[in-house]
Amino acid sequence: MGLIVADRVKESSTTTGTGAFTLAGALTAYRAFSAVCTTNDTVYYTIAAVDALGVPTGDWETGLGTYSGANTLTRTTVHASTNAGAAVSFAAGTKHV
């Protein structure tokens, strides 16, 4: 377990709420978190709600997370967000992580 910093890591997710994110697979030309992380590694993350074309639609969050296993990213420390710096309660729809 350690801090992982890696380029070209980006997955989609349809997770809602403020809890851990279930990662649904890498976007084209990107790697999955599982390709660079093992359980309990920490990573800096950005989550952005996007439309069907992948264009950001408003809500976003950045922070430090923990790859807690089997395609799950737990939001550990929120650094900034559209929710005044607190965890965003993401609505239904696609997010890029």
PDB file of N, CA and C in Angstrom:
ATOM      1  N   MET A   1       0.844  -1.172   0.000  1.00  0.00           N
ATOM      2  CA  MET A   1       0.000   0.000   0.000  1.00  0.00           C
ATOM      3  C   MET A   1       0.890   1.237   0.000  1.00  0.00           C
ATOM      4  N   GLY A   2       0.547   2.163  -0.856  1.00  0.00           N
ATOM      5  CA  GLY A   2       1.314   3.384  -0.979  1.00  0.00           C
ATOM      6  C   GLY A   2       0.529   4.395  -1.782  1.00  0.00           C
ATOM      7  N   LEU A   3       1.141   5.542  -1.976  1.00  0.00           N
ATOM      8  CA  LEU A   3       0.538   6.577  -2.801  1.00  0.00           C
ATOM      9  C   LEU A   3       0.918   6.299  -4.251  1.00  0.00           C
ATOM     10  N   ILE A   4      -0.080   6.105  -5.088  1.00  0.00           N
ATOM     11  CA  ILE A   4       0.144   5.805  -6.497  1.00  0.00           C
ATOM     12  C   ILE A   4      -0.131   7.060  -7.313  1.00  0.00           C
ATOM     13  N   VAL A   5       0.836   7.440  -8.128  1.00  0.00           N
ATOM     14  CA  VAL A   5       0.660   8.539  -9.071  1.00  0.00           C
ATOM     15  C   VAL A   5       0.926   7.952 -10.449  1.00  0.00           C
ATOM     16  N   ALA A   6      -0.086   7.935 -11.303  1.00  0.00           N
ATOM     17  CA  ALA A   6       0.044   7.307 -12.617  1.00  0.00           C
ATOM     18  C   ALA A   6      -0.709   8.132 -13.654  1.00  0.00           C
ATOM     19  N   ASP A   7      -0.185   8.155 -14.859  1.00  0.00           N
ATOM     20  CA  ASP A   7      -0.811   8.880 -15.955  1.00  0.00           C
ATOM     21  C   ASP A   7      -1.809   7.994 -16.687  1.00  0.00           C
ATOM     22  N   ARG A   8      -2.772   8.650 -17.344  1.00  0.00           N
ATOM     23  CA  ARG A   8      -3.723   7.997 -18.245  1.00  0.00           C
ATOM     24  C   ARG A   8      -4.552   6.921 -17.551  1.00  0.00           C
ATOM     25  N   VAL A   9      -5.074   7.249 -16.376  1.00  0.00           N
ATOM     26  CA  VAL A   9      -5.983   6.367 -15.648  1.00  0.00           C
ATOM     27  C   VAL A   9      -7.327   7.080 -15.591  1.00  0.00           C
ATOM     28  N   LYS A  10      -8.357   6.461 -16.167  1.00  0.00           N
ATOM     29  CA  LYS A  10      -9.686   7.091 -16.193  1.00  0.00           C
ATOM     30  C   LYS A  10     -10.733   6.023 -16.435  1.00  0.00           C
ATOM     31  N   GLU A  11     -11.724   5.988 -15.549  1.00  0.00           N
ATOM     32  CA  GLU A  11     -12.810   5.014 -15.674  1.00  0.00           C
ATOM     33  C   GLU A  11     -14.154   5.715 -15.597  1.00  0.00           C
ATOM     34  N   SER A  12     -15.173   5.019 -16.045  1.00  0.00           N
ATOM     35  CA  SER A  12     -16.529   5.526 -15.907  1.00  0.00           C
ATOM     36  C   SER A  12     -17.171   4.890 -14.675  1.00  0.00           C
ATOM     37  N   SER A  13     -18.243   5.531 -14.218  1.00  0.00           N
ATOM     38  CA  SER A  13     -18.997   5.016 -13.080  1.00  0.00           C
ATOM     39  C   SER A  13     -20.406   5.590 -13.139  1.00  0.00           C
ATOM     40  N   THR A  14     -21.360   4.847 -12.613  1.00  0.00           N
ATOM     41  CA  THR A  14     -22.728   5.357 -12.483  1.00  0.00           C
ATOM     42  C   THR A  14     -23.140   5.418 -11.014  1.00  0.00           C
ATOM     43  N   THR A  15     -22.163   5.377 -10.124  1.00  0.00           N
ATOM     44  CA  THR A  15     -22.423   5.430  -8.689  1.00  0.00           C
ATOM     45  C   THR A  15     -23.121   6.739  -8.329  1.00  0.00           C
ATOM     46  N   THR A  16     -24.042   6.663  -7.384  1.00  0.00           N
ATOM     47  CA  THR A  16     -24.731   7.856  -6.890  1.00  0.00           C
ATOM     48  C   THR A  16     -24.415   8.051  -5.412  1.00  0.00           C
ATOM     49  N   GLY A  17     -24.696   9.254  -4.921  1.00  0.00           N
ATOM     50  CA  GLY A  17     -24.526   9.536  -3.499  1.00  0.00           C
ATOM     51  C   GLY A  17     -23.129   9.998  -3.145  1.00  0.00           C
ATOM     52  N   THR A  18     -22.777   9.836  -1.849  1.00  0.00           N
ATOM     53  CA  THR A  18     -21.498  10.326  -1.326  1.00  0.00           C
ATOM     54  C   THR A  18     -20.546   9.214  -0.909  1.00  0.00           C
ATOM     55  N   GLY A  19     -20.910   7.986  -1.173  1.00  0.00           N
ATOM     56  CA  GLY A  19     -20.084   6.862  -0.736  1.00  0.00           C
ATOM     57  C   GLY A  19     -18.993   6.477  -1.718  1.00  0.00           C
ATOM     58  N   ALA A  20     -18.495   5.269  -1.553  1.00  0.00           N
ATOM     59  CA  ALA A  20     -17.449   4.735  -2.422  1.00  0.00           C
ATOM     60  C   ALA A  20     -17.967   4.600  -3.852  1.00  0.00           C
ATOM     61  N   PHE A  21     -17.058   4.728  -4.808  1.00  0.00           N
ATOM     62  CA  PHE A  21     -17.413   4.630  -6.219  1.00  0.00           C
ATOM     63  C   PHE A  21     -17.065   3.253  -6.761  1.00  0.00           C
ATOM     64  N   THR A  22     -18.022   2.631  -7.438  1.00  0.00           N
ATOM     65  CA  THR A  22     -17.771   1.400  -8.159  1.00  0.00           C
ATOM     66  C   THR A  22     -17.308   1.797  -9.556  1.00  0.00           C
ATOM     67  N   LEU A  23     -16.133   1.348  -9.931  1.00  0.00           N
ATOM     68  CA  LEU A  23     -15.532   1.705 -11.211  1.00  0.00           C
ATOM     69  C   LEU A  23     -15.982   0.711 -12.271  1.00  0.00           C
ATOM     70  N   ALA A  24     -16.412   1.228 -13.423  1.00  0.00           N
ATOM     71  CA  ALA A  24     -17.041   0.376 -14.440  1.00  0.00           C
ATOM     72  C   ALA A  24     -16.155   0.079 -15.642  1.00  0.00           C
ATOM     73  N   GLY A  25     -14.895   0.427 -15.583  1.00  0.00           N
ATOM     74  CA  GLY A  25     -13.998   0.110 -16.688  1.00  0.00           C
ATOM     75  C   GLY A  25     -13.354   1.345 -17.279  1.00  0.00           C
ATOM     76  N   ALA A  26     -12.184   1.124 -17.855  1.00  0.00           N
ATOM     77  CA  ALA A  26     -11.403   2.225 -18.423  1.00  0.00           C
ATOM     78  C   ALA A  26     -12.050   2.770 -19.691  1.00  0.00           C
ATOM     79  N   LEU A  27     -11.912   4.070 -19.890  1.00  0.00           N
ATOM     80  CA  LEU A  27     -12.339   4.689 -21.135  1.00  0.00           C
ATOM     81  C   LEU A  27     -11.309   4.358 -22.214  1.00  0.00           C
ATOM     82  N   THR A  28     -11.705   4.461 -23.468  1.00  0.00           N
ATOM     83  CA  THR A  28     -10.815   4.181 -24.592  1.00  0.00           C
ATOM     84  C   THR A  28      -9.531   5.000 -24.468  1.00  0.00           C
ATOM     85  N   ALA A  29      -8.405   4.334 -24.626  1.00  0.00           N
ATOM     86  CA  ALA A  29      -7.057   4.930 -24.576  1.00  0.00           C
ATOM     87  C   ALA A  29      -6.583   5.249 -23.161  1.00  0.00           C
ATOM     88  N   TYR A  30      -7.324   4.808 -22.136  1.00  0.00           N
ATOM     89  CA  TYR A  30      -6.930   4.995 -20.740  1.00  0.00           C
ATOM     90  C   TYR A  30      -6.756   3.641 -20.070  1.00  0.00           C
ATOM     91  N   ARG A  31      -6.165   3.660 -18.874  1.00  0.00           N
ATOM     92  CA  ARG A  31      -5.995   2.440 -18.080  1.00  0.00           C
ATOM     93  C   ARG A  31      -7.003   2.429 -16.929  1.00  0.00           C
ATOM     94  N   ALA A  32      -7.302   1.247 -16.448  1.00  0.00           N
ATOM     95  CA  ALA A  32      -8.149   1.092 -15.269  1.00  0.00           C
ATOM     96  C   ALA A  32      -7.312   1.285 -14.006  1.00  0.00           C
ATOM     97  N   PHE A  33      -7.950   1.672 -12.918  1.00  0.00           N
ATOM     98  CA  PHE A  33      -7.249   1.794 -11.641  1.00  0.00           C
ATOM     99  C   PHE A  33      -6.605   0.467 -11.254  1.00  0.00           C
ATOM    100  N   SER A  34      -7.271  -0.649 -11.582  1.00  0.00           N
ATOM    101  CA  SER A  34      -6.730  -1.964 -11.228  1.00  0.00           C
ATOM    102  C   SER A  34      -5.412  -2.276 -11.939  1.00  0.00           C
ATOM    103  N   ALA A  35      -5.107  -1.550 -13.013  1.00  0.00           N
ATOM    104  CA  ALA A  35      -3.852  -1.762 -13.733  1.00  0.00           C
ATOM    105  C   ALA A  35      -2.666  -1.132 -13.009  1.00  0.00           C
ATOM    106  N   VAL A  36      -2.934  -0.204 -12.103  1.00  0.00           N
ATOM    107  CA  VAL A  36      -1.837   0.496 -11.415  1.00  0.00           C
ATOM    108  C   VAL A  36      -1.940   0.444  -9.893  1.00  0.00           C
ATOM    109  N   CYS A  37      -3.073  -0.010  -9.372  1.00  0.00           N
ATOM    110  CA  CYS A  37      -3.295  -0.018  -7.917  1.00  0.00           C
ATOM    111  C   CYS A  37      -3.517  -1.434  -7.397  1.00  0.00           C
ATOM    112  N   THR A  38      -3.164  -1.634  -6.132  1.00  0.00           N
ATOM    113  CA  THR A  38      -3.560  -2.818  -5.401  1.00  0.00           C
ATOM    114  C   THR A  38      -4.386  -2.356  -4.207  1.00  0.00           C
ATOM    115  N   THR A  39      -5.057  -3.275  -3.559  1.00  0.00           N
ATOM    116  CA  THR A  39      -5.932  -2.937  -2.431  1.00  0.00           C
ATOM    117  C   THR A  39      -5.182  -2.108  -1.387  1.00  0.00           C
ATOM    118  N   ASN A  40      -5.815  -1.051  -0.941  1.00  0.00           N
ATOM    119  CA  ASN A  40      -5.354  -0.102   0.077  1.00  0.00           C
ATOM    120  C   ASN A  40      -4.356   0.936  -0.427  1.00  0.00           C
ATOM    121  N   ASP A  41      -4.052   0.951  -1.734  1.00  0.00           N
ATOM    122  CA  ASP A  41      -3.249   2.051  -2.277  1.00  0.00           C
ATOM    123  C   ASP A  41      -4.077   3.326  -2.242  1.00  0.00           C
ATOM    124  N   THR A  42      -3.409   4.451  -2.078  1.00  0.00           N
ATOM    125  CA  THR A  42      -4.089   5.741  -2.134  1.00  0.00           C
ATOM    126  C   THR A  42      -3.760   6.417  -3.460  1.00  0.00           C
ATOM    127  N   VAL A  43      -4.714   7.194  -3.959  1.00  0.00           N
ATOM    128  CA  VAL A  43      -4.569   7.884  -5.240  1.00  0.00           C
ATOM    129  C   VAL A  43      -5.256   9.245  -5.156  1.00  0.00           C
ATOM    130  N   TYR A  44      -4.720  10.202  -5.888  1.00  0.00           N
ATOM    131  CA  TYR A  44      -5.450  11.453  -6.085  1.00  0.00           C
ATOM    132  C   TYR A  44      -6.507  11.180  -7.142  1.00  0.00           C
ATOM    133  N   TYR A  45      -7.685  11.772  -6.981  1.00  0.00           N
ATOM    134  CA  TYR A  45      -8.758  11.516  -7.936  1.00  0.00           C
ATOM    135  C   TYR A  45      -9.494  12.798  -8.298  1.00  0.00           C
ATOM    136  N   THR A  46     -10.156  12.732  -9.419  1.00  0.00           N
ATOM    137  CA  THR A  46     -11.134  13.734  -9.838  1.00  0.00           C
ATOM    138  C   THR A  46     -12.356  12.969 -10.302  1.00  0.00           C
ATOM    139  N   ILE A  47     -13.524  13.408  -9.892  1.00  0.00           N
ATOM    140  CA  ILE A  47     -14.778  12.818 -10.365  1.00  0.00           C
ATOM    141  C   ILE A  47     -15.569  13.951 -11.000  1.00  0.00           C
ATOM    142  N   ALA A  48     -16.067  13.714 -12.209  1.00  0.00           N
ATOM    143  CA  ALA A  48     -16.877  14.723 -12.892  1.00  0.00           C
ATOM    144  C   ALA A  48     -18.100  14.060 -13.510  1.00  0.00           C
ATOM    145  N   ALA A  49     -19.268  14.639 -13.249  1.00  0.00           N
ATOM    146  CA  ALA A  49     -20.481  14.178 -13.919  1.00  0.00           C
ATOM    147  C   ALA A  49     -20.377  14.605 -15.380  1.00  0.00           C
ATOM    148  N   VAL A  50     -20.761  13.702 -16.289  1.00  0.00           N
ATOM    149  CA  VAL A  50     -20.653  13.988 -17.721  1.00  0.00           C
ATOM    150  C   VAL A  50     -21.941  13.591 -18.447  1.00  0.00           C
ATOM    151  N   ASP A  51     -22.122  14.182 -19.646  1.00  0.00           N
ATOM    152  CA  ASP A  51     -23.265  13.794 -20.468  1.00  0.00           C
ATOM    153  C   ASP A  51     -22.901  12.606 -21.360  1.00  0.00           C
ATOM    154  N   ALA A  52     -23.782  12.244 -22.273  1.00  0.00           N
ATOM    155  CA  ALA A  52     -23.571  11.068 -23.131  1.00  0.00           C
ATOM    156  C   ALA A  52     -22.345  11.198 -24.030  1.00  0.00           C
ATOM    157  N   LEU A  53     -21.897  12.429 -24.271  1.00  0.00           N
ATOM    158  CA  LEU A  53     -20.708  12.654 -25.098  1.00  0.00           C
ATOM    159  C   LEU A  53     -19.441  12.782 -24.266  1.00  0.00           C
ATOM    160  N   GLY A  54     -19.558  12.686 -22.937  1.00  0.00           N
ATOM    161  CA  GLY A  54     -18.400  12.810 -22.056  1.00  0.00           C
ATOM    162  C   GLY A  54     -18.076  14.244 -21.682  1.00  0.00           C
ATOM    163  N   VAL A  55     -18.989  15.158 -21.975  1.00  0.00           N
ATOM    164  CA  VAL A  55     -18.787  16.573 -21.652  1.00  0.00           C
ATOM    165  C   VAL A  55     -19.239  16.815 -20.208  1.00  0.00           C
ATOM    166  N   PRO A  56     -18.402  17.465 -19.383  1.00  0.00           N
ATOM    167  CA  PRO A  56     -18.788  17.736 -17.996  1.00  0.00           C
ATOM    168  C   PRO A  56     -20.104  18.515 -17.914  1.00  0.00           C
ATOM    169  N   THR A  57     -20.938  18.129 -16.944  1.00  0.00           N
ATOM    170  CA  THR A  57     -22.262  18.742 -16.813  1.00  0.00           C
ATOM    171  C   THR A  57     -22.427  19.583 -15.559  1.00  0.00           C
ATOM    172  N   GLY A  58     -21.416  19.680 -14.738  1.00  0.00           N
ATOM    173  CA  GLY A  58     -21.560  20.526 -13.555  1.00  0.00           C
ATOM    174  C   GLY A  58     -20.866  19.996 -12.328  1.00  0.00           C
ATOM    175  N   ASP A  59     -21.424  18.980 -11.680  1.00  0.00           N
ATOM    176  CA  ASP A  59     -20.847  18.499 -10.423  1.00  0.00           C
ATOM    177  C   ASP A  59     -19.484  17.862 -10.625  1.00  0.00           C
ATOM    178  N   TRP A  60     -18.552  18.191  -9.714  1.00  0.00           N
ATOM    179  CA  TRP A  60     -17.206  17.613  -9.741  1.00  0.00           C
ATOM    180  C   TRP A  60     -16.644  17.606  -8.332  1.00  0.00           C
ATOM    181  N   GLU A  61     -15.594  16.807  -8.171  1.00  0.00           N
ATOM    182  CA  GLU A  61     -14.932  16.682  -6.861  1.00  0.00           C
ATOM    183  C   GLU A  61     -13.496  16.211  -7.081  1.00  0.00           C
ATOM    184  N   THR A  62     -12.567  16.719  -6.290  1.00  0.00           N
ATOM    185  CA  THR A  62     -11.189  16.234  -6.299  1.00  0.00           C
ATOM    186  C   THR A  62     -10.798  15.856  -4.884  1.00  0.00           C
ATOM    187  N   GLY A  63      -9.851  14.926  -4.767  1.00  0.00           N
ATOM    188  CA  GLY A  63      -9.431  14.535  -3.433  1.00  0.00           C
ATOM    189  C   GLY A  63      -8.427  13.399  -3.442  1.00  0.00           C
ATOM    190  N   LEU A  64      -8.283  12.811  -2.283  1.00  0.00           N
ATOM    191  CA  LEU A  64      -7.415  11.657  -2.081  1.00  0.00           C
ATOM    192  C   LEU A  64      -8.320  10.488  -1.736  1.00  0.00           C
ATOM    193  N   GLY A  65      -8.154   9.397  -2.479  1.00  0.00           N
ATOM    194  CA  GLY A  65      -9.001   8.237  -2.264  1.00  0.00           C
ATOM    195  C   GLY A  65      -8.185   6.991  -2.002  1.00  0.00           C
ATOM    196  N   THR A  66      -8.878   5.929  -1.642  1.00  0.00           N
ATOM    197  CA  THR A  66      -8.255   4.640  -1.397  1.00  0.00           C
ATOM    198  C   THR A  66      -8.858   3.620  -2.343  1.00  0.00           C
ATOM    199  N   TYR A  67      -7.978   2.943  -3.087  1.00  0.00           N
ATOM    200  CA  TYR A  67      -8.451   1.845  -3.927  1.00  0.00           C
ATOM    201  C   TYR A  67      -8.705   0.690  -2.970  1.00  0.00           C
ATOM    202  N   SER A  68      -9.975   0.500  -2.633  1.00  0.00           N
ATOM    203  CA  SER A  68     -10.303  -0.445  -1.571  1.00  0.00           C
ATOM    204  C   SER A  68     -10.605  -1.846  -2.089  1.00  0.00           C
ATOM    205  N   GLY A  69     -10.268  -2.106  -3.338  1.00  0.00           N
ATOM    206  CA  GLY A  69     -10.369  -3.454  -3.871  1.00  0.00           C
ATOM    207  C   GLY A  69     -11.428  -3.596  -4.925  1.00  0.00           C
ATOM    208  N   ALA A  70     -11.285  -4.602  -5.753  1.00  0.00           N
ATOM    209  CA  ALA A  70     -12.260  -5.003  -6.766  1.00  0.00           C
ATOM    210  C   ALA A  70     -13.012  -3.835  -7.391  1.00  0.00           C
ATOM    211  N   ASN A  71     -12.274  -2.937  -8.007  1.00  0.00           N
ATOM    212  CA  ASN A  71     -12.871  -1.821  -8.750  1.00  0.00           C
ATOM    213  C   ASN A  71     -13.691  -0.875  -7.887  1.00  0.00           C
ATOM    214  N   THR A  72     -13.212  -0.612  -6.688  1.00  0.00           N
ATOM    215  CA  THR A  72     -13.888   0.311  -5.784  1.00  0.00           C
ATOM    216  C   THR A  72     -12.917   1.385  -5.317  1.00  0.00           C
ATOM    217  N   LEU A  73     -13.340   2.643  -5.458  1.00  0.00           N
ATOM    218  CA  LEU A  73     -12.553   3.774  -4.986  1.00  0.00           C
ATOM    219  C   LEU A  73     -13.319   4.457  -3.857  1.00  0.00           C
ATOM    220  N   THR A  74     -12.739   4.440  -2.667  1.00  0.00           N
ATOM    221  CA  THR A  74     -13.346   5.088  -1.509  1.00  0.00           C
ATOM    222  C   THR A  74     -12.803   6.504  -1.408  1.00  0.00           C
ATOM    223  N   ARG A  75     -13.705   7.479  -1.326  1.00  0.00           N
ATOM    224  CA  ARG A  75     -13.305   8.880  -1.220  1.00  0.00           C
ATOM    225  C   ARG A  75     -12.882   9.139   0.228  1.00  0.00           C
ATOM    226  N   THR A  76     -11.591   9.316   0.443  1.00  0.00           N
ATOM    227  CA  THR A  76     -11.044   9.446   1.790  1.00  0.00           C
ATOM    228  C   THR A  76     -11.026  10.898   2.255  1.00  0.00           C
ATOM    229  N   THR A  77     -10.447  11.782   1.452  1.00  0.00           N
ATOM    230  CA  THR A  77     -10.326  13.197   1.799  1.00  0.00           C
ATOM    231  C   THR A  77     -10.705  14.044   0.595  1.00  0.00           C
ATOM    232  N   VAL A  78     -11.752  14.838   0.714  1.00  0.00           N
ATOM    233  CA  VAL A  78     -12.164  15.726  -0.375  1.00  0.00           C
ATOM    234  C   VAL A  78     -11.334  17.004  -0.285  1.00  0.00           C
ATOM    235  N   HIS A  79     -10.703  17.389  -1.396  1.00  0.00           N
ATOM    236  CA  HIS A  79      -9.897  18.615  -1.434  1.00  0.00           C
ATOM    237  C   HIS A  79     -10.696  19.815  -1.928  1.00  0.00           C
ATOM    238  N   ALA A  80     -11.545  19.606  -2.930  1.00  0.00           N
ATOM    239  CA  ALA A  80     -12.356  20.687  -3.491  1.00  0.00           C
ATOM    240  C   ALA A  80     -13.540  20.062  -4.209  1.00  0.00           C
ATOM    241  N   SER A  81     -14.623  20.825  -4.340  1.00  0.00           N
ATOM    242  CA  SER A  81     -15.800  20.292  -5.022  1.00  0.00           C
ATOM    243  C   SER A  81     -16.798  21.401  -5.316  1.00  0.00           C
ATOM    244  N   THR A  82     -17.816  21.049  -6.080  1.00  0.00           N
ATOM    245  CA  THR A  82     -18.926  21.965  -6.326  1.00  0.00           C
ATOM    246  C   THR A  82     -19.884  22.009  -5.143  1.00  0.00           C
ATOM    247  N   ASN A  83     -19.579  21.292  -4.091  1.00  0.00           N
ATOM    248  CA  ASN A  83     -20.393  21.283  -2.870  1.00  0.00           C
ATOM    249  C   ASN A  83     -19.626  21.970  -1.745  1.00  0.00           C
ATOM    250  N   ALA A  84     -19.069  23.132  -2.045  1.00  0.00           N
ATOM    251  CA  ALA A  84     -18.340  23.936  -1.054  1.00  0.00           C
ATOM    252  C   ALA A  84     -17.214  23.163  -0.387  1.00  0.00           C
ATOM    253  N   GLY A  85     -16.559  22.293  -1.145  1.00  0.00           N
ATOM    254  CA  GLY A  85     -15.421  21.550  -0.614  1.00  0.00           C
ATOM    255  C   GLY A  85     -15.776  20.269   0.122  1.00  0.00           C
ATOM    256  N   ALA A  86     -17.052  19.949   0.185  1.00  0.00           N
ATOM    257  CA  ALA A  86     -17.495  18.710   0.838  1.00  0.00           C
ATOM    258  C   ALA A  86     -17.784  17.661  -0.232  1.00  0.00           C
ATOM    259  N   ALA A  87     -17.972  16.414   0.193  1.00  0.00           N
ATOM    260  CA  ALA A  87     -18.298  15.342  -0.735  1.00  0.00           C
ATOM    261  C   ALA A  87     -19.573  15.681  -1.518  1.00  0.00           C
ATOM    262  N   VAL A  88     -19.546  15.476  -2.805  1.00  0.00           N
ATOM    263  CA  VAL A  88     -20.707  15.720  -3.645  1.00  0.00           C
ATOM    264  C   VAL A  88     -21.614  14.498  -3.593  1.00  0.00           C
ATOM    265  N   SER A  89     -22.908  14.736  -3.449  1.00  0.00           N
ATOM    266  CA  SER A  89     -23.877  13.657  -3.560  1.00  0.00           C
ATOM    267  C   SER A  89     -24.256  13.576  -5.037  1.00  0.00           C
ATOM    268  N   PHE A  90     -23.546  12.718  -5.760  1.00  0.00           N
ATOM    269  CA  PHE A  90     -23.732  12.638  -7.197  1.00  0.00           C
ATOM    270  C   PHE A  90     -25.090  12.023  -7.535  1.00  0.00           C
ATOM    271  N   ALA A  91     -25.754  12.616  -8.529  1.00  0.00           N
ATOM    272  CA  ALA A  91     -27.038  12.131  -9.017  1.00  0.00           C
ATOM    273  C   ALA A  91     -26.823  10.998 -10.016  1.00  0.00           C
ATOM    274  N   ALA A  92     -27.910  10.396 -10.464  1.00  0.00           N
ATOM    275  CA  ALA A  92     -27.836   9.328 -11.463  1.00  0.00           C
ATOM    276  C   ALA A  92     -27.180   9.875 -12.728  1.00  0.00           C
ATOM    277  N   GLY A  93     -26.526   8.985 -13.456  1.00  0.00           N
ATOM    278  CA  GLY A  93     -25.866   9.364 -14.697  1.00  0.00           C
ATOM    279  C   GLY A  93     -24.411   8.956 -14.657  1.00  0.00           C
ATOM    280  N   THR A  94     -23.738   9.225 -15.747  1.00  0.00           N
ATOM    281  CA  THR A  94     -22.337   8.808 -15.889  1.00  0.00           C
ATOM    282  C   THR A  94     -21.391   9.813 -15.251  1.00  0.00           C
ATOM    283  N   LYS A  95     -20.374   9.283 -14.607  1.00  0.00           N
ATOM    284  CA  LYS A  95     -19.272  10.086 -14.064  1.00  0.00           C
ATOM    285  C   LYS A  95     -17.960   9.546 -14.607  1.00  0.00           C
ATOM    286  N   HIS A  96     -16.993  10.448 -14.795  1.00  0.00           N
ATOM    287  CA  HIS A  96     -15.630  10.028 -15.140  1.00  0.00           C
ATOM    288  C   HIS A  96     -14.779  10.189 -13.896  1.00  0.00           C
ATOM    289  N   VAL A  97     -14.013   9.143 -13.583  1.00  0.00           N
ATOM    290  CA  VAL A  97     -13.181   9.123 -12.385  1.00  0.00           C
ATOM    291  C   VAL A  97     -11.738   8.983 -12.814  1.00  0.00           C
TER     292      VAL A  97
END
